[in-house]
Amino acid sequence: MGNQEREVSELLVEWRTTREQLEALFRERHLGSTQELMEQGINLYVRLLFLSNGHPVSLGASIPLNQFDLKPVNIEERLAFIKSRPSLYHSFRQLSELMVEQEKLFVKNRIMKKSSRPKA
C-alpha cells in the first residue's frame, strides 16, 4: 500500500469513529454537542479531498476546489451548506455522503491508474 493510500485509509478509520459518535448524538437529540465533532468531520473531509487529489493538505481559509480533479458534484454548494449549519442533521447526512463519494472517486482513480500501467 502506497503512502497516499495509507493516509487515506487512516483518515477513513478516523471518520468512521467520528461518524458513529455523531450518529449517536443526533439519535439522542443532543444537537448542541455536535458542533465540535462536525467541525472535526469537516476537517477530515477537507483532508481527504486534498489527499485523494495528490495535493499537500492545507486547512487554510480557502480551498482551491477548481484545482481538484476528483471531487463530488456540487461540492461548493454542499460544503458551504455544511459549514454554515454544522449542527443540523441534514448537514451531517450531507457530510457523510461527501465522504462516501470522495472515497469512491479515490478508489476508482487508483484502479484506473493501476489498469493503465503497462504490464512488465
PDB file of N, CA and C in Angstrom:
ATOM      1  N   MET A   1       0.849  -1.177   0.000  1.00  0.00           N
ATOM      2  CA  MET A   1       0.000   0.000   0.000  1.00  0.00           C
ATOM      3  C   MET A   1       0.892   1.237   0.000  1.00  0.00           C
ATOM      4  N   GLY A   2       0.604   2.158  -0.895  1.00  0.00           N
ATOM      5  CA  GLY A   2       1.382   3.382  -1.000  1.00  0.00           C
ATOM      6  C   GLY A   2       1.098   4.334   0.149  1.00  0.00           C
ATOM      7  N   ASN A   3       1.940   5.338   0.269  1.00  0.00           N
ATOM      8  CA  ASN A   3       1.801   6.315   1.346  1.00  0.00           C
ATOM      9  C   ASN A   3       0.454   7.041   1.272  1.00  0.00           C
ATOM     10  N   GLN A   4       0.064   7.445   0.061  1.00  0.00           N
ATOM     11  CA  GLN A   4      -1.208   8.147  -0.116  1.00  0.00           C
ATOM     12  C   GLN A   4      -2.380   7.246   0.288  1.00  0.00           C
ATOM     13  N   GLU A   5      -2.329   5.986  -0.131  1.00  0.00           N
ATOM     14  CA  GLU A   5      -3.403   5.050   0.205  1.00  0.00           C
ATOM     15  C   GLU A   5      -3.475   4.817   1.710  1.00  0.00           C
ATOM     16  N   ARG A   6      -2.319   4.722   2.355  1.00  0.00           N
ATOM     17  CA  ARG A   6      -2.276   4.504   3.799  1.00  0.00           C
ATOM     18  C   ARG A   6      -2.877   5.702   4.544  1.00  0.00           C
ATOM     19  N   GLU A   7      -2.495   6.912   4.121  1.00  0.00           N
ATOM     20  CA  GLU A   7      -3.027   8.121   4.762  1.00  0.00           C
ATOM     21  C   GLU A   7      -4.540   8.216   4.597  1.00  0.00           C
ATOM     22  N   VAL A   8      -5.019   7.918   3.401  1.00  0.00           N
ATOM     23  CA  VAL A   8      -6.467   7.954   3.151  1.00  0.00           C
ATOM     24  C   VAL A   8      -7.165   6.901   4.005  1.00  0.00           C
ATOM     25  N   SER A   9      -6.586   5.713   4.095  1.00  0.00           N
ATOM     26  CA  SER A   9      -7.167   4.641   4.893  1.00  0.00           C
ATOM     27  C   SER A   9      -7.255   5.031   6.371  1.00  0.00           C
ATOM     28  N   GLU A  10      -6.191   5.613   6.903  1.00  0.00           N
ATOM     29  CA  GLU A  10      -6.187   6.052   8.305  1.00  0.00           C
ATOM     30  C   GLU A  10      -7.230   7.144   8.536  1.00  0.00           C
ATOM     31  N   LEU A  11      -7.346   8.045   7.588  1.00  0.00           N
ATOM     32  CA  LEU A  11      -8.313   9.129   7.688  1.00  0.00           C
ATOM     33  C   LEU A  11      -9.739   8.576   7.698  1.00  0.00           C
ATOM     34  N   LEU A  12      -9.998   7.578   6.865  1.00  0.00           N
ATOM     35  CA  LEU A  12     -11.336   6.992   6.803  1.00  0.00           C
ATOM     36  C   LEU A  12     -11.686   6.246   8.086  1.00  0.00           C
ATOM     37  N   VAL A  13     -10.694   5.627   8.715  1.00  0.00           N
ATOM     38  CA  VAL A  13     -10.924   4.974  10.009  1.00  0.00           C
ATOM     39  C   VAL A  13     -11.307   6.029  11.051  1.00  0.00           C
ATOM     40  N   GLU A  14     -10.588   7.142  11.041  1.00  0.00           N
ATOM     41  CA  GLU A  14     -10.894   8.241  11.966  1.00  0.00           C
ATOM     42  C   GLU A  14     -12.301   8.780  11.701  1.00  0.00           C
ATOM     43  N   TRP A  15     -12.682   8.894  10.423  1.00  0.00           N
ATOM     44  CA  TRP A  15     -14.018   9.375  10.075  1.00  0.00           C
ATOM     45  C   TRP A  15     -15.091   8.425  10.594  1.00  0.00           C
ATOM     46  N   ARG A  16     -14.876   7.116  10.470  1.00  0.00           N
ATOM     47  CA  ARG A  16     -15.885   6.153  10.926  1.00  0.00           C
ATOM     48  C   ARG A  16     -16.169   6.335  12.417  1.00  0.00           C
ATOM     49  N   THR A  17     -15.114   6.558  13.195  1.00  0.00           N
ATOM     50  CA  THR A  17     -15.281   6.791  14.633  1.00  0.00           C
ATOM     51  C   THR A  17     -16.075   8.075  14.877  1.00  0.00           C
ATOM     52  N   THR A  18     -15.701   9.134  14.189  1.00  0.00           N
ATOM     53  CA  THR A  18     -16.393  10.419  14.324  1.00  0.00           C
ATOM     54  C   THR A  18     -17.846  10.286  13.894  1.00  0.00           C
ATOM     55  N   ARG A  19     -18.077   9.593  12.782  1.00  0.00           N
ATOM     56  CA  ARG A  19     -19.443   9.409  12.268  1.00  0.00           C
ATOM     57  C   ARG A  19     -20.314   8.663  13.281  1.00  0.00           C
ATOM     58  N   GLU A  20     -19.764   7.610  13.881  1.00  0.00           N
ATOM     59  CA  GLU A  20     -20.531   6.842  14.868  1.00  0.00           C
ATOM     60  C   GLU A  20     -20.904   7.703  16.071  1.00  0.00           C
ATOM     61  N   GLN A  21     -19.969   8.538  16.516  1.00  0.00           N
ATOM     62  CA  GLN A  21     -20.254   9.432  17.645  1.00  0.00           C
ATOM     63  C   GLN A  21     -21.339  10.439  17.268  1.00  0.00           C
ATOM     64  N   LEU A  22     -21.246  10.983  16.067  1.00  0.00           N
ATOM     65  CA  LEU A  22     -22.253  11.942  15.607  1.00  0.00           C
ATOM     66  C   LEU A  22     -23.621  11.281  15.458  1.00  0.00           C
ATOM     67  N   GLU A  23     -23.654  10.064  14.918  1.00  0.00           N
ATOM     68  CA  GLU A  23     -24.929   9.356  14.775  1.00  0.00           C
ATOM     69  C   GLU A  23     -25.606   9.200  16.130  1.00  0.00           C
ATOM     70  N   ALA A  24     -24.819   8.844  17.145  1.00  0.00           N
ATOM     71  CA  ALA A  24     -25.375   8.673  18.489  1.00  0.00           C
ATOM     72  C   ALA A  24     -25.911   9.998  19.033  1.00  0.00           C
ATOM     73  N   LEU A  25     -25.166  11.074  18.854  1.00  0.00           N
ATOM     74  CA  LEU A  25     -25.612  12.384  19.346  1.00  0.00           C
ATOM     75  C   LEU A  25     -26.889  12.843  18.645  1.00  0.00           C
ATOM     76  N   PHE A  26     -26.954  12.665  17.333  1.00  0.00           N
ATOM     77  CA  PHE A  26     -28.159  13.075  16.606  1.00  0.00           C
ATOM     78  C   PHE A  26     -29.345  12.185  16.978  1.00  0.00           C
ATOM     79  N   ARG A  27     -29.104  10.896  17.155  1.00  0.00           N
ATOM     80  CA  ARG A  27     -30.170   9.966  17.523  1.00  0.00           C
ATOM     81  C   ARG A  27     -30.775  10.357  18.878  1.00  0.00           C
ATOM     82  N   GLU A  28     -29.903  10.776  19.806  1.00  0.00           N
ATOM     83  CA  GLU A  28     -30.357  11.142  21.150  1.00  0.00           C
ATOM     84  C   GLU A  28     -30.745  12.619  21.249  1.00  0.00           C
ATOM     85  N   ARG A  29     -30.718  13.320  20.114  1.00  0.00           N
ATOM     86  CA  ARG A  29     -31.118  14.728  20.019  1.00  0.00           C
ATOM     87  C   ARG A  29     -30.244  15.673  20.854  1.00  0.00           C
ATOM     88  N   HIS A  30     -28.958  15.361  20.960  1.00  0.00           N
ATOM     89  CA  HIS A  30     -28.009  16.243  21.647  1.00  0.00           C
ATOM     90  C   HIS A  30     -27.374  17.166  20.611  1.00  0.00           C
ATOM     91  N   LEU A  31     -28.188  17.999  19.991  1.00  0.00           N
ATOM     92  CA  LEU A  31     -27.732  18.828  18.879  1.00  0.00           C
ATOM     93  C   LEU A  31     -26.656  19.824  19.283  1.00  0.00           C
ATOM     94  N   GLY A  32     -26.712  20.324  20.498  1.00  0.00           N
ATOM     95  CA  GLY A  32     -25.713  21.279  20.951  1.00  0.00           C
ATOM     96  C   GLY A  32     -24.329  20.672  21.092  1.00  0.00           C
ATOM     97  N   SER A  33     -24.264  19.363  21.199  1.00  0.00           N
ATOM     98  CA  SER A  33     -22.982  18.675  21.379  1.00  0.00           C
ATOM     99  C   SER A  33     -22.338  18.258  20.062  1.00  0.00           C
ATOM    100  N   THR A  34     -22.987  18.550  18.957  1.00  0.00           N
ATOM    101  CA  THR A  34     -22.480  18.068  17.667  1.00  0.00           C
ATOM    102  C   THR A  34     -21.489  19.011  17.001  1.00  0.00           C
ATOM    103  N   GLN A  35     -21.480  20.270  17.397  1.00  0.00           N
ATOM    104  CA  GLN A  35     -20.677  21.297  16.722  1.00  0.00           C
ATOM    105  C   GLN A  35     -19.205  20.896  16.584  1.00  0.00           C
ATOM    106  N   GLU A  36     -18.573  20.534  17.689  1.00  0.00           N
ATOM    107  CA  GLU A  36     -17.142  20.219  17.666  1.00  0.00           C
ATOM    108  C   GLU A  36     -16.851  18.997  16.793  1.00  0.00           C
ATOM    109  N   LEU A  37     -17.666  17.958  16.935  1.00  0.00           N
ATOM    110  CA  LEU A  37     -17.456  16.754  16.122  1.00  0.00           C
ATOM    111  C   LEU A  37     -17.718  17.020  14.646  1.00  0.00           C
ATOM    112  N   MET A  38     -18.700  17.855  14.346  1.00  0.00           N
ATOM    113  CA  MET A  38     -18.958  18.195  12.945  1.00  0.00           C
ATOM    114  C   MET A  38     -17.784  18.968  12.354  1.00  0.00           C
ATOM    115  N   GLU A  39     -17.217  19.879  13.125  1.00  0.00           N
ATOM    116  CA  GLU A  39     -16.044  20.610  12.642  1.00  0.00           C
ATOM    117  C   GLU A  39     -14.880  19.656  12.404  1.00  0.00           C
ATOM    118  N   GLN A  40     -14.734  18.680  13.286  1.00  0.00           N
ATOM    119  CA  GLN A  40     -13.705  17.655  13.103  1.00  0.00           C
ATOM    120  C   GLN A  40     -13.983  16.864  11.823  1.00  0.00           C
ATOM    121  N   GLY A  41     -15.241  16.501  11.606  1.00  0.00           N
ATOM    122  CA  GLY A  41     -15.618  15.772  10.398  1.00  0.00           C
ATOM    123  C   GLY A  41     -15.381  16.579   9.134  1.00  0.00           C
ATOM    124  N   ILE A  42     -15.686  17.864   9.178  1.00  0.00           N
ATOM    125  CA  ILE A  42     -15.446  18.741   8.026  1.00  0.00           C
ATOM    126  C   ILE A  42     -13.955  18.798   7.719  1.00  0.00           C
ATOM    127  N   ASN A  43     -13.132  18.934   8.760  1.00  0.00           N
ATOM    128  CA  ASN A  43     -11.680  18.941   8.554  1.00  0.00           C
ATOM    129  C   ASN A  43     -11.185  17.619   7.979  1.00  0.00           C
ATOM    130  N   LEU A  44     -11.764  16.509   8.420  1.00  0.00           N
ATOM    131  CA  LEU A  44     -11.396  15.207   7.860  1.00  0.00           C
ATOM    132  C   LEU A  44     -11.749  15.154   6.377  1.00  0.00           C
ATOM    133  N   TYR A  45     -12.921  15.686   6.023  1.00  0.00           N
ATOM    134  CA  TYR A  45     -13.304  15.680   4.612  1.00  0.00           C
ATOM    135  C   TYR A  45     -12.351  16.528   3.778  1.00  0.00           C
ATOM    136  N   VAL A  46     -12.009  17.700   4.267  1.00  0.00           N
ATOM    137  CA  VAL A  46     -11.095  18.578   3.525  1.00  0.00           C
ATOM    138  C   VAL A  46      -9.738  17.891   3.356  1.00  0.00           C
ATOM    139  N   ARG A  47      -9.268  17.230   4.407  1.00  0.00           N
ATOM    140  CA  ARG A  47      -8.006  16.480   4.298  1.00  0.00           C
ATOM    141  C   ARG A  47      -8.126  15.377   3.246  1.00  0.00           C
ATOM    142  N   LEU A  48      -9.260  14.659   3.245  1.00  0.00           N
ATOM    143  CA  LEU A  48      -9.486  13.604   2.254  1.00  0.00           C
ATOM    144  C   LEU A  48      -9.497  14.177   0.847  1.00  0.00           C
ATOM    145  N   LEU A  49     -10.115  15.319   0.681  1.00  0.00           N
ATOM    146  CA  LEU A  49     -10.173  15.986  -0.616  1.00  0.00           C
ATOM    147  C   LEU A  49      -8.763  16.287  -1.130  1.00  0.00           C
ATOM    148  N   PHE A  50      -7.929  16.861  -0.282  1.00  0.00           N
ATOM    149  CA  PHE A  50      -6.551  17.171  -0.670  1.00  0.00           C
ATOM    150  C   PHE A  50      -5.763  15.890  -0.956  1.00  0.00           C
ATOM    151  N   LEU A  51      -5.805  14.923  -0.030  1.00  0.00           N
ATOM    152  CA  LEU A  51      -5.023  13.693  -0.182  1.00  0.00           C
ATOM    153  C   LEU A  51      -5.426  12.910  -1.424  1.00  0.00           C
ATOM    154  N   SER A  52      -6.724  12.772  -1.655  1.00  0.00           N
ATOM    155  CA  SER A  52      -7.182  11.972  -2.792  1.00  0.00           C
ATOM    156  C   SER A  52      -6.844  12.625  -4.124  1.00  0.00           C
ATOM    157  N   ASN A  53      -6.582  13.917  -4.108  1.00  0.00           N
ATOM    158  CA  ASN A  53      -6.181  14.626  -5.323  1.00  0.00           C
ATOM    159  C   ASN A  53      -4.673  14.789  -5.428  1.00  0.00           C
ATOM    160  N   GLY A  54      -3.933  14.228  -4.470  1.00  0.00           N
ATOM    161  CA  GLY A  54      -2.478  14.273  -4.519  1.00  0.00           C
ATOM    162  C   GLY A  54      -1.883  15.627  -4.179  1.00  0.00           C
ATOM    163  N   HIS A  55      -2.628  16.451  -3.459  1.00  0.00           N
ATOM    164  CA  HIS A  55      -2.146  17.771  -3.048  1.00  0.00           C
ATOM    165  C   HIS A  55      -1.734  17.726  -1.580  1.00  0.00           C
ATOM    166  N   PRO A  56      -0.753  18.545  -1.191  1.00  0.00           N
ATOM    167  CA  PRO A  56      -0.434  18.629   0.237  1.00  0.00           C
ATOM    168  C   PRO A  56      -1.621  19.236   0.990  1.00  0.00           C
ATOM    169  N   VAL A  57      -1.893  18.706   2.169  1.00  0.00           N
ATOM    170  CA  VAL A  57      -3.050  19.148   2.945  1.00  0.00           C
ATOM    171  C   VAL A  57      -2.844  20.570   3.448  1.00  0.00           C
ATOM    172  N   SER A  58      -3.860  21.401   3.206  1.00  0.00           N
ATOM    173  CA  SER A  58      -3.848  22.787   3.668  1.00  0.00           C
ATOM    174  C   SER A  58      -5.233  23.110   4.209  1.00  0.00           C
ATOM    175  N   LEU A  59      -5.316  23.327   5.515  1.00  0.00           N
ATOM    176  CA  LEU A  59      -6.610  23.608   6.135  1.00  0.00           C
ATOM    177  C   LEU A  59      -6.840  25.106   6.290  1.00  0.00           C
ATOM    178  N   GLY A  60      -6.327  25.870   5.352  1.00  0.00           N
ATOM    179  CA  GLY A  60      -6.473  27.328   5.382  1.00  0.00           C
ATOM    180  C   GLY A  60      -7.892  27.770   5.094  1.00  0.00           C
ATOM    181  N   ALA A  61      -8.062  29.056   4.952  1.00  0.00           N
ATOM    182  CA  ALA A  61      -9.391  29.650   4.789  1.00  0.00           C
ATOM    183  C   ALA A  61     -10.068  29.245   3.482  1.00  0.00           C
ATOM    184  N   SER A  62      -9.336  29.256   2.377  1.00  0.00           N
ATOM    185  CA  SER A  62      -9.975  28.925   1.102  1.00  0.00           C
ATOM    186  C   SER A  62      -9.430  27.608   0.552  1.00  0.00           C
ATOM    187  N   ILE A  63     -10.319  26.849  -0.031  1.00  0.00           N
ATOM    188  CA  ILE A  63      -9.960  25.552  -0.606  1.00  0.00           C
ATOM    189  C   ILE A  63      -9.989  25.711  -2.120  1.00  0.00           C
ATOM    190  N   PRO A  64      -8.882  25.426  -2.791  1.00  0.00           N
ATOM    191  CA  PRO A  64      -8.828  25.609  -4.254  1.00  0.00           C
ATOM    192  C   PRO A  64      -9.567  24.492  -4.996  1.00  0.00           C
ATOM    193  N   LEU A  65     -10.891  24.467  -4.884  1.00  0.00           N
ATOM    194  CA  LEU A  65     -11.690  23.386  -5.459  1.00  0.00           C
ATOM    195  C   LEU A  65     -11.504  23.257  -6.962  1.00  0.00           C
ATOM    196  N   ASN A  66     -11.240  24.364  -7.642  1.00  0.00           N
ATOM    197  CA  ASN A  66     -11.065  24.306  -9.096  1.00  0.00           C
ATOM    198  C   ASN A  66      -9.785  23.571  -9.493  1.00  0.00           C
ATOM    199  N   GLN A  67      -8.869  23.354  -8.562  1.00  0.00           N
ATOM    200  CA  GLN A  67      -7.627  22.638  -8.860  1.00  0.00           C
ATOM    201  C   GLN A  67      -7.764  21.129  -8.667  1.00  0.00           C
ATOM    202  N   PHE A  68      -8.889  20.676  -8.157  1.00  0.00           N
ATOM    203  CA  PHE A  68      -9.082  19.258  -7.871  1.00  0.00           C
ATOM    204  C   PHE A  68      -9.841  18.569  -8.996  1.00  0.00           C
ATOM    205  N   ASP A  69      -9.289  17.463  -9.478  1.00  0.00           N
ATOM    206  CA  ASP A  69      -9.974  16.665 -10.495  1.00  0.00           C
ATOM    207  C   ASP A  69     -10.996  15.731  -9.861  1.00  0.00           C
ATOM    208  N   LEU A  70     -10.662  15.197  -8.691  1.00  0.00           N
ATOM    209  CA  LEU A  70     -11.544  14.256  -8.002  1.00  0.00           C
ATOM    210  C   LEU A  70     -12.344  15.003  -6.944  1.00  0.00           C
ATOM    211  N   LYS A  71     -13.599  15.262  -7.269  1.00  0.00           N
ATOM    212  CA  LYS A  71     -14.478  15.949  -6.317  1.00  0.00           C
ATOM    213  C   LYS A  71     -15.924  15.626  -6.672  1.00  0.00           C
ATOM    214  N   PRO A  72     -16.777  15.525  -5.663  1.00  0.00           N
ATOM    215  CA  PRO A  72     -18.191  15.248  -5.917  1.00  0.00           C
ATOM    216  C   PRO A  72     -18.881  16.406  -6.641  1.00  0.00           C
ATOM    217  N   VAL A  73     -20.005  16.096  -7.235  1.00  0.00           N
ATOM    218  CA  VAL A  73     -20.823  17.093  -7.926  1.00  0.00           C
ATOM    219  C   VAL A  73     -21.331  18.118  -6.906  1.00  0.00           C
ATOM    220  N   ASN A  74     -21.367  19.373  -7.307  1.00  0.00           N
ATOM    221  CA  ASN A  74     -21.875  20.473  -6.472  1.00  0.00           C
ATOM    222  C   ASN A  74     -21.134  20.620  -5.147  1.00  0.00           C
ATOM    223  N   ILE A  75     -19.854  20.323  -5.148  1.00  0.00           N
ATOM    224  CA  ILE A  75     -19.072  20.366  -3.915  1.00  0.00           C
ATOM    225  C   ILE A  75     -19.113  21.741  -3.252  1.00  0.00           C
ATOM    226  N   GLU A  76     -19.052  22.800  -4.054  1.00  0.00           N
ATOM    227  CA  GLU A  76     -19.013  24.148  -3.483  1.00  0.00           C
ATOM    228  C   GLU A  76     -20.253  24.425  -2.641  1.00  0.00           C
ATOM    229  N   GLU A  77     -21.429  24.174  -3.221  1.00  0.00           N
ATOM    230  CA  GLU A  77     -22.682  24.444  -2.526  1.00  0.00           C
ATOM    231  C   GLU A  77     -22.853  23.534  -1.321  1.00  0.00           C
ATOM    232  N   ARG A  78     -22.529  22.283  -1.490  1.00  0.00           N
ATOM    233  CA  ARG A  78     -22.715  21.314  -0.415  1.00  0.00           C
ATOM    234  C   ARG A  78     -21.811  21.618   0.777  1.00  0.00           C
ATOM    235  N   LEU A  79     -20.550  21.919   0.498  1.00  0.00           N
ATOM    236  CA  LEU A  79     -19.602  22.231   1.567  1.00  0.00           C
ATOM    237  C   LEU A  79     -19.976  23.547   2.258  1.00  0.00           C
ATOM    238  N   ALA A  80     -20.423  24.530   1.482  1.00  0.00           N
ATOM    239  CA  ALA A  80     -20.850  25.808   2.066  1.00  0.00           C
ATOM    240  C   ALA A  80     -22.047  25.596   3.001  1.00  0.00           C
ATOM    241  N   PHE A  81     -22.990  24.749   2.586  1.00  0.00           N
ATOM    242  CA  PHE A  81     -24.153  24.460   3.422  1.00  0.00           C
ATOM    243  C   PHE A  81     -23.729  23.811   4.733  1.00  0.00           C
ATOM    244  N   ILE A  82     -22.861  22.812   4.644  1.00  0.00           N
ATOM    245  CA  ILE A  82     -22.404  22.096   5.839  1.00  0.00           C
ATOM    246  C   ILE A  82     -21.688  23.043   6.798  1.00  0.00           C
ATOM    247  N   LYS A  83     -20.816  23.877   6.251  1.00  0.00           N
ATOM    248  CA  LYS A  83     -20.054  24.802   7.100  1.00  0.00           C
ATOM    249  C   LYS A  83     -20.946  25.867   7.737  1.00  0.00           C
ATOM    250  N   SER A  84     -21.994  26.277   7.035  1.00  0.00           N
ATOM    251  CA  SER A  84     -22.862  27.332   7.572  1.00  0.00           C
ATOM    252  C   SER A  84     -23.841  26.811   8.623  1.00  0.00           C
ATOM    253  N   ARG A  85     -24.152  25.520   8.587  1.00  0.00           N
ATOM    254  CA  ARG A  85     -25.122  24.940   9.526  1.00  0.00           C
ATOM    255  C   ARG A  85     -24.627  23.585  10.047  1.00  0.00           C
ATOM    256  N   PRO A  86     -23.491  23.552  10.717  1.00  0.00           N
ATOM    257  CA  PRO A  86     -22.908  22.265  11.109  1.00  0.00           C
ATOM    258  C   PRO A  86     -23.712  21.482  12.142  1.00  0.00           C
ATOM    259  N   SER A  87     -24.599  22.123  12.885  1.00  0.00           N
ATOM    260  CA  SER A  87     -25.325  21.390  13.923  1.00  0.00           C
ATOM    261  C   SER A  87     -26.615  20.736  13.419  1.00  0.00           C
ATOM    262  N   LEU A  88     -26.937  20.911  12.145  1.00  0.00           N
ATOM    263  CA  LEU A  88     -28.140  20.286  11.584  1.00  0.00           C
ATOM    264  C   LEU A  88     -27.881  18.832  11.188  1.00  0.00           C
ATOM    265  N   TYR A  89     -28.889  17.999  11.375  1.00  0.00           N
ATOM    266  CA  TYR A  89     -28.780  16.599  10.965  1.00  0.00           C
ATOM    267  C   TYR A  89     -28.561  16.504   9.459  1.00  0.00           C
ATOM    268  N   HIS A  90     -29.224  17.368   8.700  1.00  0.00           N
ATOM    269  CA  HIS A  90     -29.070  17.348   7.243  1.00  0.00           C
ATOM    270  C   HIS A  90     -27.617  17.627   6.844  1.00  0.00           C
ATOM    271  N   SER A  91     -26.941  18.485   7.580  1.00  0.00           N
ATOM    272  CA  SER A  91     -25.523  18.762   7.307  1.00  0.00           C
ATOM    273  C   SER A  91     -24.684  17.517   7.561  1.00  0.00           C
ATOM    274  N   PHE A  92     -25.010  16.807   8.630  1.00  0.00           N
ATOM    275  CA  PHE A  92     -24.305  15.558   8.929  1.00  0.00           C
ATOM    276  C   PHE A  92     -24.501  14.548   7.802  1.00  0.00           C
ATOM    277  N   ARG A  93     -25.735  14.398   7.324  1.00  0.00           N
ATOM    278  CA  ARG A  93     -26.012  13.456   6.233  1.00  0.00           C
ATOM    279  C   ARG A  93     -25.246  13.862   4.975  1.00  0.00           C
ATOM    280  N   GLN A  94     -25.223  15.150   4.694  1.00  0.00           N
ATOM    281  CA  GLN A  94     -24.521  15.650   3.515  1.00  0.00           C
ATOM    282  C   GLN A  94     -23.018  15.386   3.627  1.00  0.00           C
ATOM    283  N   LEU A  95     -22.455  15.616   4.816  1.00  0.00           N
ATOM    284  CA  LEU A  95     -21.035  15.353   5.043  1.00  0.00           C
ATOM    285  C   LEU A  95     -20.736  13.864   4.876  1.00  0.00           C
ATOM    286  N   SER A  96     -21.604  13.028   5.396  1.00  0.00           N
ATOM    287  CA  SER A  96     -21.428  11.577   5.252  1.00  0.00           C
ATOM    288  C   SER A  96     -21.418  11.173   3.784  1.00  0.00           C
ATOM    289  N   GLU A  97     -22.333  11.741   3.010  1.00  0.00           N
ATOM    290  CA  GLU A  97     -22.394  11.431   1.580  1.00  0.00           C
ATOM    291  C   GLU A  97     -21.156  11.933   0.845  1.00  0.00           C
ATOM    292  N   LEU A  98     -20.667  13.115   1.207  1.00  0.00           N
ATOM    293  CA  LEU A  98     -19.445  13.629   0.582  1.00  0.00           C
ATOM    294  C   LEU A  98     -18.271  12.694   0.850  1.00  0.00           C
ATOM    295  N   MET A  99     -18.188  12.184   2.075  1.00  0.00           N
ATOM    296  CA  MET A  99     -17.092  11.265   2.415  1.00  0.00           C
ATOM    297  C   MET A  99     -17.180   9.992   1.561  1.00  0.00           C
ATOM    298  N   VAL A 100     -18.373   9.442   1.438  1.00  0.00           N
ATOM    299  CA  VAL A 100     -18.566   8.224   0.642  1.00  0.00           C
ATOM    300  C   VAL A 100     -18.217   8.487  -0.822  1.00  0.00           C
ATOM    301  N   GLU A 101     -18.717   9.584  -1.365  1.00  0.00           N
ATOM    302  CA  GLU A 101     -18.461   9.910  -2.771  1.00  0.00           C
ATOM    303  C   GLU A 101     -16.976  10.140  -3.029  1.00  0.00           C
ATOM    304  N   GLN A 102     -16.302  10.844  -2.107  1.00  0.00           N
ATOM    305  CA  GLN A 102     -14.874  11.116  -2.293  1.00  0.00           C
ATOM    306  C   GLN A 102     -14.064   9.829  -2.220  1.00  0.00           C
ATOM    307  N   GLU A 103     -14.434   8.950  -1.300  1.00  0.00           N
ATOM    308  CA  GLU A 103     -13.738   7.660  -1.198  1.00  0.00           C
ATOM    309  C   GLU A 103     -13.910   6.861  -2.494  1.00  0.00           C
ATOM    310  N   LYS A 104     -15.115   6.837  -3.042  1.00  0.00           N
ATOM    311  CA  LYS A 104     -15.362   6.121  -4.297  1.00  0.00           C
ATOM    312  C   LYS A 104     -14.540   6.705  -5.442  1.00  0.00           C
ATOM    313  N   LEU A 105     -14.484   8.030  -5.513  1.00  0.00           N
ATOM    314  CA  LEU A 105     -13.687   8.674  -6.564  1.00  0.00           C
ATOM    315  C   LEU A 105     -12.212   8.312  -6.427  1.00  0.00           C
ATOM    316  N   PHE A 106     -11.714   8.294  -5.202  1.00  0.00           N
ATOM    317  CA  PHE A 106     -10.316   7.953  -4.950  1.00  0.00           C
ATOM    318  C   PHE A 106     -10.027   6.513  -5.373  1.00  0.00           C
ATOM    319  N   VAL A 107     -10.874   5.586  -4.955  1.00  0.00           N
ATOM    320  CA  VAL A 107     -10.679   4.168  -5.287  1.00  0.00           C
ATOM    321  C   VAL A 107     -10.763   3.957  -6.794  1.00  0.00           C
ATOM    322  N   LYS A 108     -11.746   4.561  -7.432  1.00  0.00           N
ATOM    323  CA  LYS A 108     -11.891   4.440  -8.889  1.00  0.00           C
ATOM    324  C   LYS A 108     -10.646   4.961  -9.596  1.00  0.00           C
ATOM    325  N   ASN A 109     -10.131   6.089  -9.155  1.00  0.00           N
ATOM    326  CA  ASN A 109      -8.937   6.677  -9.754  1.00  0.00           C
ATOM    327  C   ASN A 109      -7.722   5.762  -9.581  1.00  0.00           C
ATOM    328  N   ARG A 110      -7.586   5.160  -8.405  1.00  0.00           N
ATOM    329  CA  ARG A 110      -6.457   4.242  -8.157  1.00  0.00           C
ATOM    330  C   ARG A 110      -6.550   3.025  -9.089  1.00  0.00           C
ATOM    331  N   ILE A 111      -7.740   2.497  -9.247  1.00  0.00           N
ATOM    332  CA  ILE A 111      -7.939   1.332 -10.119  1.00  0.00           C
ATOM    333  C   ILE A 111      -7.624   1.697 -11.562  1.00  0.00           C
ATOM    334  N   MET A 112      -8.089   2.857 -11.999  1.00  0.00           N
ATOM    335  CA  MET A 112      -7.832   3.293 -13.378  1.00  0.00           C
ATOM    336  C   MET A 112      -6.336   3.476 -13.622  1.00  0.00           C
ATOM    337  N   LYS A 113      -5.638   4.039 -12.657  1.00  0.00           N
ATOM    338  CA  LYS A 113      -4.193   4.234 -12.803  1.00  0.00           C
ATOM    339  C   LYS A 113      -3.467   2.900 -12.858  1.00  0.00           C
ATOM    340  N   LYS A 114      -3.878   1.955 -12.009  1.00  0.00           N
ATOM    341  CA  LYS A 114      -3.229   0.644 -11.994  1.00  0.00           C
ATOM    342  C   LYS A 114      -3.493  -0.114 -13.286  1.00  0.00           C
ATOM    343  N   SER A 115      -4.708  -0.014 -13.817  1.00  0.00           N
ATOM    344  CA  SER A 115      -5.037  -0.757 -15.034  1.00  0.00           C
ATOM    345  C   SER A 115      -4.418  -0.133 -16.278  1.00  0.00           C
ATOM    346  N   SER A 116      -4.049   1.142 -16.204  1.00  0.00           N
ATOM    347  CA  SER A 116      -3.452   1.791 -17.376  1.00  0.00           C
ATOM    348  C   SER A 116      -1.932   1.653 -17.418  1.00  0.00           C
ATOM    349  N   ARG A 117      -1.343   1.112 -16.352  1.00  0.00           N
ATOM    350  CA  ARG A 117       0.106   0.894 -16.356  1.00  0.00           C
ATOM    351  C   ARG A 117       0.450  -0.242 -17.308  1.00  0.00           C
ATOM    352  N   PRO A 118       1.562  -0.094 -18.043  1.00  0.00           N
ATOM    353  CA  PRO A 118       1.979  -1.196 -18.909  1.00  0.00           C
ATOM    354  C   PRO A 118       2.441  -2.384 -18.068  1.00  0.00           C
ATOM    355  N   LYS A 119       2.100  -3.560 -18.515  1.00  0.00           N
ATOM    356  CA  LYS A 119       2.490  -4.787 -17.809  1.00  0.00           C
ATOM    357  C   LYS A 119       3.971  -5.058 -18.030  1.00  0.00           C
ATOM    358  N   ALA A 120       4.649  -5.479 -16.970  1.00  0.00           N
ATOM    359  CA  ALA A 120       6.095  -5.748 -17.057  1.00  0.00           C
ATOM    360  C   ALA A 120       6.363  -7.141 -17.560  1.00  0.00           C
TER     361      ALA A 120
END
